[in-house]
């Protein structure tokens, strides 16, 4: 089964999603730049183009959810 067909079978837009071939290992080792560093740069460009930047309220206070609290003796609660 082809990747685009598989994406379409799970109700993703298989014909529209960019697919980038590459190797993180070659990018880290600096070997074969066509599938190493160049493909990582192409992946970053595709993600930046395909996924929109969410609108954020920069004129309001920053709110961050707290998921867990740790009490450390001698340091307090973190």
C-alpha atoms as a PDB file:
ATOM      1  CA  UNK A   1       0.000   0.000   0.000  1.00  0.00           C
ATOM      2  CA  UNK A   2       1.293   3.447  -0.885  1.00  0.00           C
ATOM      3  CA  UNK A   3       1.738   6.109   1.800  1.00  0.00           C
ATOM      4  CA  UNK A   4      -0.784   8.488   0.244  1.00  0.00           C
ATOM      5  CA  UNK A   5      -3.391   5.700  -0.014  1.00  0.00           C
ATOM      6  CA  UNK A   6      -2.791   4.789   3.623  1.00  0.00           C
ATOM      7  CA  UNK A   7      -3.257   8.410   4.728  1.00  0.00           C
ATOM      8  CA  UNK A   8      -6.456   8.657   2.675  1.00  0.00           C
ATOM      9  CA  UNK A   9      -7.799   5.443   4.226  1.00  0.00           C
ATOM     10  CA  UNK A  10      -7.542   7.132   7.656  1.00  0.00           C
ATOM     11  CA  UNK A  11      -9.418  10.242   6.408  1.00  0.00           C
ATOM     12  CA  UNK A  12      -6.318  12.427   6.045  1.00  0.00           C
ATOM     13  CA  UNK A  13      -5.891  14.436   2.825  1.00  0.00           C
ATOM     14  CA  UNK A  14      -3.387  11.990   1.340  1.00  0.00           C
ATOM     15  CA  UNK A  15      -3.112  13.839  -1.970  1.00  0.00           C
ATOM     16  CA  UNK A  16      -2.307  17.179  -0.312  1.00  0.00           C
ATOM     17  CA  UNK A  17       0.077  16.233   2.512  1.00  0.00           C
ATOM     18  CA  UNK A  18       3.742  16.872   1.678  1.00  0.00           C
ATOM     19  CA  UNK A  19       5.987  13.820   2.001  1.00  0.00           C
ATOM     20  CA  UNK A  20       9.711  14.416   2.549  1.00  0.00           C
ATOM     21  CA  UNK A  21      12.258  11.577   2.285  1.00  0.00           C
ATOM     22  CA  UNK A  22      15.330  11.876   4.447  1.00  0.00           C
ATOM     23  CA  UNK A  23      17.660  10.477   7.066  1.00  0.00           C
ATOM     24  CA  UNK A  24      18.335  12.069  10.449  1.00  0.00           C
ATOM     25  CA  UNK A  25      21.379   9.802  10.809  1.00  0.00           C
ATOM     26  CA  UNK A  26      22.947  11.169   7.618  1.00  0.00           C
ATOM     27  CA  UNK A  27      22.080  14.712   8.725  1.00  0.00           C
ATOM     28  CA  UNK A  28      23.797  14.192  12.097  1.00  0.00           C
ATOM     29  CA  UNK A  29      26.861  12.527  10.537  1.00  0.00           C
ATOM     30  CA  UNK A  30      27.122  15.068   7.713  1.00  0.00           C
ATOM     31  CA  UNK A  31      27.083  12.353   5.050  1.00  0.00           C
ATOM     32  CA  UNK A  32      24.921  12.237   1.914  1.00  0.00           C
ATOM     33  CA  UNK A  33      23.522  15.787   2.239  1.00  0.00           C
ATOM     34  CA  UNK A  34      20.825  15.133  -0.400  1.00  0.00           C
ATOM     35  CA  UNK A  35      18.998  12.807   2.034  1.00  0.00           C
ATOM     36  CA  UNK A  36      20.577  14.253   5.173  1.00  0.00           C
ATOM     37  CA  UNK A  37      20.797  17.972   5.872  1.00  0.00           C
ATOM     38  CA  UNK A  38      18.948  19.087   2.733  1.00  0.00           C
ATOM     39  CA  UNK A  39      15.961  16.845   3.462  1.00  0.00           C
ATOM     40  CA  UNK A  40      15.772  18.062   7.077  1.00  0.00           C
ATOM     41  CA  UNK A  41      15.720  21.659   5.822  1.00  0.00           C
ATOM     42  CA  UNK A  42      13.010  20.699   3.304  1.00  0.00           C
ATOM     43  CA  UNK A  43      11.019  19.059   6.109  1.00  0.00           C
ATOM     44  CA  UNK A  44      11.203  22.196   8.263  1.00  0.00           C
ATOM     45  CA  UNK A  45      10.117  24.348   5.308  1.00  0.00           C
ATOM     46  CA  UNK A  46       7.198  21.994   4.555  1.00  0.00           C
ATOM     47  CA  UNK A  47       6.037  22.024   8.190  1.00  0.00           C
ATOM     48  CA  UNK A  48       6.252  25.834   8.309  1.00  0.00           C
ATOM     49  CA  UNK A  49       4.230  26.086   5.105  1.00  0.00           C
ATOM     50  CA  UNK A  50       1.640  23.386   5.853  1.00  0.00           C
ATOM     51  CA  UNK A  51       0.858  24.046   9.546  1.00  0.00           C
ATOM     52  CA  UNK A  52      -0.435  27.564  10.233  1.00  0.00           C
ATOM     53  CA  UNK A  53       0.889  29.547  13.190  1.00  0.00           C
ATOM     54  CA  UNK A  54      -1.895  29.780  15.795  1.00  0.00           C
ATOM     55  CA  UNK A  55      -3.244  33.191  16.774  1.00  0.00           C
ATOM     56  CA  UNK A  56      -2.043  34.200  20.216  1.00  0.00           C
ATOM     57  CA  UNK A  57      -3.197  37.002  22.475  1.00  0.00           C
ATOM     58  CA  UNK A  58       0.066  38.877  23.038  1.00  0.00           C
ATOM     59  CA  UNK A  59      -1.647  41.769  24.828  1.00  0.00           C
ATOM     60  CA  UNK A  60      -2.919  39.576  27.690  1.00  0.00           C
ATOM     61  CA  UNK A  61      -1.090  37.883  30.580  1.00  0.00           C
ATOM     62  CA  UNK A  62       0.678  34.600  29.839  1.00  0.00           C
ATOM     63  CA  UNK A  63      -1.219  31.572  31.170  1.00  0.00           C
ATOM     64  CA  UNK A  64       0.445  28.183  31.521  1.00  0.00           C
ATOM     65  CA  UNK A  65      -1.294  25.125  32.960  1.00  0.00           C
ATOM     66  CA  UNK A  66       0.409  23.355  35.861  1.00  0.00           C
ATOM     67  CA  UNK A  67       0.177  19.593  35.508  1.00  0.00           C
ATOM     68  CA  UNK A  68       2.066  18.398  38.560  1.00  0.00           C
ATOM     69  CA  UNK A  69       3.596  19.783  41.759  1.00  0.00           C
ATOM     70  CA  UNK A  70       6.703  18.488  43.531  1.00  0.00           C
ATOM     71  CA  UNK A  71       7.619  19.238  47.142  1.00  0.00           C
ATOM     72  CA  UNK A  72      11.391  19.175  47.588  1.00  0.00           C
ATOM     73  CA  UNK A  73      12.720  19.369  51.143  1.00  0.00           C
ATOM     74  CA  UNK A  74      14.961  22.374  51.615  1.00  0.00           C
ATOM     75  CA  UNK A  75      13.805  23.929  48.318  1.00  0.00           C
ATOM     76  CA  UNK A  76      10.031  24.243  48.640  1.00  0.00           C
ATOM     77  CA  UNK A  77       7.383  23.432  46.098  1.00  0.00           C
ATOM     78  CA  UNK A  78       8.294  23.336  42.443  1.00  0.00           C
END
